[in-house]
Structure formats: C-alpha cells, structure tokens
C-alpha atoms as a PDB file:
ATOM      1  CA  MET A   1      -0.092   0.048  -0.147  1.00  0.00           C
ATOM      2  CA  SER A   2       0.909   3.713  -0.765  1.00  0.00           C
ATOM      3  CA  ASP A   3       2.430   6.119   1.913  1.00  0.00           C
ATOM      4  CA  LYS A   4       0.473   9.080  -0.234  1.00  0.00           C
ATOM      5  CA  LYS A   5      -2.841   9.946   0.881  1.00  0.00           C
ATOM      6  CA  GLN A   6      -5.244  10.506  -2.069  1.00  0.00           C
ATOM      7  CA  ILE A   7      -5.770  14.344  -2.572  1.00  0.00           C
ATOM      8  CA  VAL A   8      -9.360  15.580  -2.302  1.00  0.00           C
ATOM      9  CA  VAL A   9     -11.184  18.705  -3.162  1.00  0.00           C
ATOM     10  CA  GLY A  10     -11.197  20.882   0.147  1.00  0.00           C
ATOM     11  CA  ASP A  11      -7.527  19.232   1.002  1.00  0.00           C
ATOM     12  CA  GLU A  12      -4.824  21.927   1.981  1.00  0.00           C
ATOM     13  CA  ILE A  13      -1.707  21.622  -0.212  1.00  0.00           C
ATOM     14  CA  GLU A  14       1.510  23.633  -1.017  1.00  0.00           C
ATOM     15  CA  ALA A  15       1.398  25.839  -4.699  1.00  0.00           C
ATOM     16  CA  MET A  16       3.264  28.458  -6.150  1.00  0.00           C
ATOM     17  CA  CYS A  17       1.154  31.560  -6.091  1.00  0.00           C
ATOM     18  CA  GLY A  18       1.410  34.299  -8.671  1.00  0.00           C
ATOM     19  CA  ALA A  19      -0.346  36.946  -6.619  1.00  0.00           C
ATOM     20  CA  CYS A  20       1.626  36.638  -3.419  1.00  0.00           C
ATOM     21  CA  LYS A  21       4.739  35.257  -5.569  1.00  0.00           C
ATOM     22  CA  ASP A  22       5.931  32.723  -3.238  1.00  0.00           C
ATOM     23  CA  ALA A  23       5.016  29.157  -2.441  1.00  0.00           C
ATOM     24  CA  THR A  24       1.620  29.148   0.142  1.00  0.00           C
ATOM     25  CA  VAL A  25      -0.861  26.974   1.740  1.00  0.00           C
ATOM     26  CA  HIS A  26      -3.621  26.806  -0.860  1.00  0.00           C
ATOM     27  CA  ILE A  27      -6.858  24.628  -0.841  1.00  0.00           C
ATOM     28  CA  VAL A  28      -7.683  22.306  -3.446  1.00  0.00           C
ATOM     29  CA  GLU A  29     -11.027  23.156  -5.535  1.00  0.00           C
ATOM     30  CA  VAL A  30     -10.848  20.741  -8.995  1.00  0.00           C
ATOM     31  CA  ILE A  31      -9.528  17.692  -9.343  1.00  0.00           C
ATOM     32  CA  LYS A  32      -9.720  15.788 -12.727  1.00  0.00           C
ATOM     33  CA  ALA A  33      -8.091  12.264 -13.580  1.00  0.00           C
ATOM     34  CA  ASN A  34      -6.193  12.404  -9.979  1.00  0.00           C
ATOM     35  CA  LYS A  35      -4.299  15.561 -10.733  1.00  0.00           C
ATOM     36  CA  VAL A  36      -4.839  19.036  -9.418  1.00  0.00           C
ATOM     37  CA  ILE A  37      -6.187  21.263 -11.492  1.00  0.00           C
ATOM     38  CA  ARG A  38      -7.561  24.580  -9.438  1.00  0.00           C
ATOM     39  CA  VAL A  39      -6.586  25.962  -5.984  1.00  0.00           C
ATOM     40  CA  MET A  40      -7.315  28.815  -3.846  1.00  0.00           C
ATOM     41  CA  CYS A  41      -4.720  30.911  -1.849  1.00  0.00           C
ATOM     42  CA  LYS A  42      -5.337  31.157   1.491  1.00  0.00           C
ATOM     43  CA  SER A  43      -3.461  34.024   1.984  1.00  0.00           C
ATOM     44  CA  CYS A  44      -4.710  36.182  -0.755  1.00  0.00           C
ATOM     45  CA  LEU A  45      -7.853  34.119  -1.291  1.00  0.00           C
ATOM     46  CA  ASN A  46      -6.853  34.279  -5.277  1.00  0.00           C
ATOM     47  CA  SER A  47      -8.147  31.424  -6.893  1.00  0.00           C
ATOM     48  CA  HIS A  48      -5.747  29.688  -9.791  1.00  0.00           C
ATOM     49  CA  LYS A  49      -4.193  27.252 -12.182  1.00  0.00           C
ATOM     50  CA  PHE A  50      -2.464  24.754  -9.899  1.00  0.00           C
ATOM     51  CA  ARG A  51       1.621  25.150  -9.647  1.00  0.00           C
ATOM     52  CA  ALA A  52       3.581  23.249  -7.970  1.00  0.00           C
ATOM     53  CA  PRO A  53       6.042  24.665  -5.358  1.00  0.00           C
ATOM     54  CA  ILE A  54       9.511  25.572  -7.020  1.00  0.00           C
ATOM     55  CA  SER A  55      12.324  24.024  -4.549  1.00  0.00           C
ATOM     56  CA  GLN A  56      15.770  25.686  -3.945  1.00  0.00           C
ATOM     57  CA  ASP A  57      17.494  23.686  -6.767  1.00  0.00           C
ATOM     58  CA  GLU A  58      15.304  23.567  -9.336  1.00  0.00           C
ATOM     59  CA  LYS A  59      15.082  27.663  -9.479  1.00  0.00           C
ATOM     60  CA  LYS A  60      15.212  28.714 -12.711  1.00  0.00           C
ATOM     61  CA  PRO A  61      19.087  30.567 -13.397  1.00  0.00           C
ATOM     62  CA  LYS A  62      18.912  33.997 -13.870  1.00  0.00           C
ATOM     63  CA  LYS A  63      19.242  35.659 -17.147  1.00  0.00           C
ATOM     64  CA  SER A  64      22.726  36.972 -18.718  1.00  0.00           C
ATOM     65  CA  ALA A  65      22.686  40.722 -18.905  1.00  0.00           C
ATOM     66  CA  ALA A  66      22.308  40.662 -22.215  1.00  0.00           C
ATOM     67  CA  ALA A  67      19.574  38.361 -22.637  1.00  0.00           C
ATOM     68  CA  ALA A  68      18.152  40.767 -20.145  1.00  0.00           C
ATOM     69  CA  LYS A  69      18.920  43.823 -21.662  1.00  0.00           C
ATOM     70  CA  THR A  70      16.632  42.115 -24.965  1.00  0.00           C
ATOM     71  CA  SER A  71      13.924  41.147 -23.193  1.00  0.00           C
ATOM     72  CA  GLY A  72      13.436  44.891 -21.637  1.00  0.00           C
ATOM     73  CA  LYS A  73      12.597  45.998 -25.133  1.00  0.00           C
ATOM     74  CA  SER A  74       8.743  45.722 -26.011  1.00  0.00           C
ATOM     75  CA  LYS A  75       7.437  43.862 -28.314  1.00  0.00           C
ATOM     76  CA  GLU A  76       7.068  47.305 -30.534  1.00  0.00           C
ATOM     77  CA  GLN A  77      10.591  47.911 -30.025  1.00  0.00           C
ATOM     78  CA  ARG A  78      11.652  44.657 -31.019  1.00  0.00           C
ATOM     79  CA  LYS A  79       9.233  44.490 -34.322  1.00  0.00           C
ATOM     80  CA  TRP A  80      10.938  47.855 -35.168  1.00  0.00           C
ATOM     81  CA  SER A  81      14.513  47.067 -35.078  1.00  0.00           C
ATOM     82  CA  ARG A  82      13.646  44.042 -36.878  1.00  0.00           C
ATOM     83  CA  VAL A  83      12.359  46.127 -39.885  1.00  0.00           C
ATOM     84  CA  MET A  84      15.017  48.624 -39.591  1.00  0.00           C
ATOM     85  CA  ALA A  85      17.744  45.786 -39.946  1.00  0.00           C
ATOM     86  CA  LYS A  86      16.019  44.646 -43.077  1.00  0.00           C
ATOM     87  CA  ALA A  87      15.385  48.177 -44.775  1.00  0.00           C
ATOM     88  CA  ASP A  88      17.305  50.862 -46.436  1.00  0.00           C
ATOM     89  CA  VAL A  89      17.577  53.473 -43.022  1.00  0.00           C
ATOM     90  CA  GLU A  90      20.520  55.710 -44.527  1.00  0.00           C
ATOM     91  CA  ASN A  91      18.308  58.512 -46.331  1.00  0.00           C
ATOM     92  CA  PRO A  92      14.619  58.650 -45.381  1.00  0.00           C
ATOM     93  CA  GLN A  93      12.269  60.769 -46.825  1.00  0.00           C
ATOM     94  CA  ASP A  94      10.664  63.398 -44.838  1.00  0.00           C
ATOM     95  CA  TYR A  95       6.589  62.460 -44.419  1.00  0.00           C
ATOM     96  CA  ALA A  96       4.296  64.429 -46.377  1.00  0.00           C
ATOM     97  CA  MET A  97       0.042  63.436 -46.377  1.00  0.00           C
ATOM     98  CA  THR A  98       0.753  64.292 -50.162  1.00  0.00           C
ATOM     99  CA  GLU A  99       3.375  62.150 -51.082  1.00  0.00           C
ATOM    100  CA  LYS A 100       2.544  58.309 -52.221  1.00  0.00           C
ATOM    101  CA  TYR A 101       4.801  55.478 -50.560  1.00  0.00           C
ATOM    102  CA  GLU A 102       5.347  51.672 -51.185  1.00  0.00           C
ATOM    103  CA  GLU A 103       5.956  48.841 -48.836  1.00  0.00           C
ATOM    104  CA  ASN A 104       9.384  49.126 -47.395  1.00  0.00           C
ATOM    105  CA  ASP A 105       9.797  52.977 -47.976  1.00  0.00           C
ATOM    106  CA  VAL A 106      11.632  54.618 -45.236  1.00  0.00           C
ATOM    107  CA  ILE A 107      10.114  57.762 -43.757  1.00  0.00           C
ATOM    108  CA  ASN A 108      11.251  60.628 -41.230  1.00  0.00           C
ATOM    109  CA  HIS A 109       8.236  61.469 -39.338  1.00  0.00           C
ATOM    110  CA  THR A 110       8.381  64.660 -36.945  1.00  0.00           C
ATOM    111  CA  LYS A 111       6.833  63.356 -33.877  1.00  0.00           C
ATOM    112  CA  PHE A 112       7.184  59.545 -34.222  1.00  0.00           C
ATOM    113  CA  GLY A 113      10.767  59.562 -35.898  1.00  0.00           C
ATOM    114  CA  VAL A 114      11.930  56.782 -38.621  1.00  0.00           C
ATOM    115  CA  GLY A 115       9.805  54.180 -39.812  1.00  0.00           C
ATOM    116  CA  VAL A 116       9.019  51.785 -42.092  1.00  0.00           C
ATOM    117  CA  VAL A 117       5.930  51.410 -44.521  1.00  0.00           C
ATOM    118  CA  ALA A 118       4.926  47.866 -43.640  1.00  0.00           C
ATOM    119  CA  GLU A 119       1.650  47.536 -45.478  1.00  0.00           C
ATOM    120  CA  ILE A 120      -0.453  49.667 -48.257  1.00  0.00           C
ATOM    121  CA  VAL A 121      -3.884  49.344 -46.792  1.00  0.00           C
ATOM    122  CA  ASP A 122      -5.723  51.131 -49.241  1.00  0.00           C
ATOM    123  CA  PRO A 123      -4.974  54.128 -51.533  1.00  0.00           C
ATOM    124  CA  THR A 124      -4.509  56.620 -48.788  1.00  0.00           C
ATOM    125  CA  LYS A 125      -3.601  54.542 -45.964  1.00  0.00           C
ATOM    126  CA  MET A 126      -0.671  53.023 -44.883  1.00  0.00           C
ATOM    127  CA  ASN A 127       0.878  51.100 -41.807  1.00  0.00           C
ATOM    128  CA  VAL A 128       4.126  52.466 -40.586  1.00  0.00           C
ATOM    129  CA  VAL A 129       6.240  50.440 -37.949  1.00  0.00           C
ATOM    130  CA  PHE A 130       7.992  53.277 -35.754  1.00  0.00           C
ATOM    131  CA  GLU A 131       9.707  52.318 -32.395  1.00  0.00           C
ATOM    132  CA  ASP A 132       6.580  52.821 -30.047  1.00  0.00           C
ATOM    133  CA  GLY A 133       4.603  50.659 -32.340  1.00  0.00           C
ATOM    134  CA  VAL A 134       2.705  50.431 -35.629  1.00  0.00           C
ATOM    135  CA  LYS A 135       0.648  54.035 -36.519  1.00  0.00           C
ATOM    136  CA  THR A 136      -1.800  53.983 -39.419  1.00  0.00           C
ATOM    137  CA  MET A 137      -0.990  56.680 -41.428  1.00  0.00           C
ATOM    138  CA  VAL A 138      -2.453  58.612 -44.163  1.00  0.00           C
ATOM    139  CA  HIS A 139      -0.553  59.111 -47.761  1.00  0.00           C
ATOM    140  CA  ASN A 140      -1.257  60.194 -51.478  1.00  0.00           C
ATOM    141  CA  ARG A 141      -3.611  63.189 -50.474  1.00  0.00           C
ATOM    142  CA  SER A 142      -4.080  65.822 -52.713  1.00  0.00           C
END
C-alpha cells in the first residue's frame, strides 16, 4: 500500500501563488483524473491553476545581462529593430501626406521619428512601423 494519501477537493496543499509570488498554502478546488487543476490561496484568496512549488535546486537560473537587456525591450521596439535591420535607413524621406509611399519605404516623421512602411492598407492609408508601435497614416492625398 502507498504512503501517499489521495488528495481530495478541500485539502490543503502547498502551491506557487502568482499574486503572492511565493509558495503558500492553498485549498484544492478542482481535481481531474487524479490531478489537482485549480487551487485557492489561503493568504490572498486568489483562485488560479495549480502550480507545484519550486524547490531551491529547481529555481531557474538568472538571465545573463545580454538576455535581460533584450527582454527589456517592448514587443513594438523588437519589431521596429527587425524591420529597420532589413530596410535602407541611410536616406529616409521626410513624411508628407501628399506623397505616395510603397511598402518598405523608410520615412522620417516629425513626431514619431524614423519608420518603415509595413503595409499599404488602401490607396490613401498605410501602416508604418515606428519604435513605439505601428501607426496608421494617410498618404497620397492631394
């Protein structure tokens, strides 16, 4: 016979709590196929998916300085960096609503800075990737 007691709904177990950022005592709320699925933290009363507590030896290693620096960029900044690496950024055109642009044209906007035309939405609208995100802008207006 096994020494392990069968866990049932209402039992207390230790689990990782995202809100508390630590392993705390939880109450089992849902069990499916003999596996704990949902728990409620007794400290903050937050209900969430069960995550087994992490022991000291299993803790993830710290990121290197280079990895930490890269992950510090926002999604928009990473996309902008990829687009700028592929584009000819030596001579960006100054943006004007009256000019007609094509995909991959590099423009210089007075407020948003240097960007690359990612998509022509319709004859008078385009999506431009700037460092702080994608902007829909007008073009080809007389």
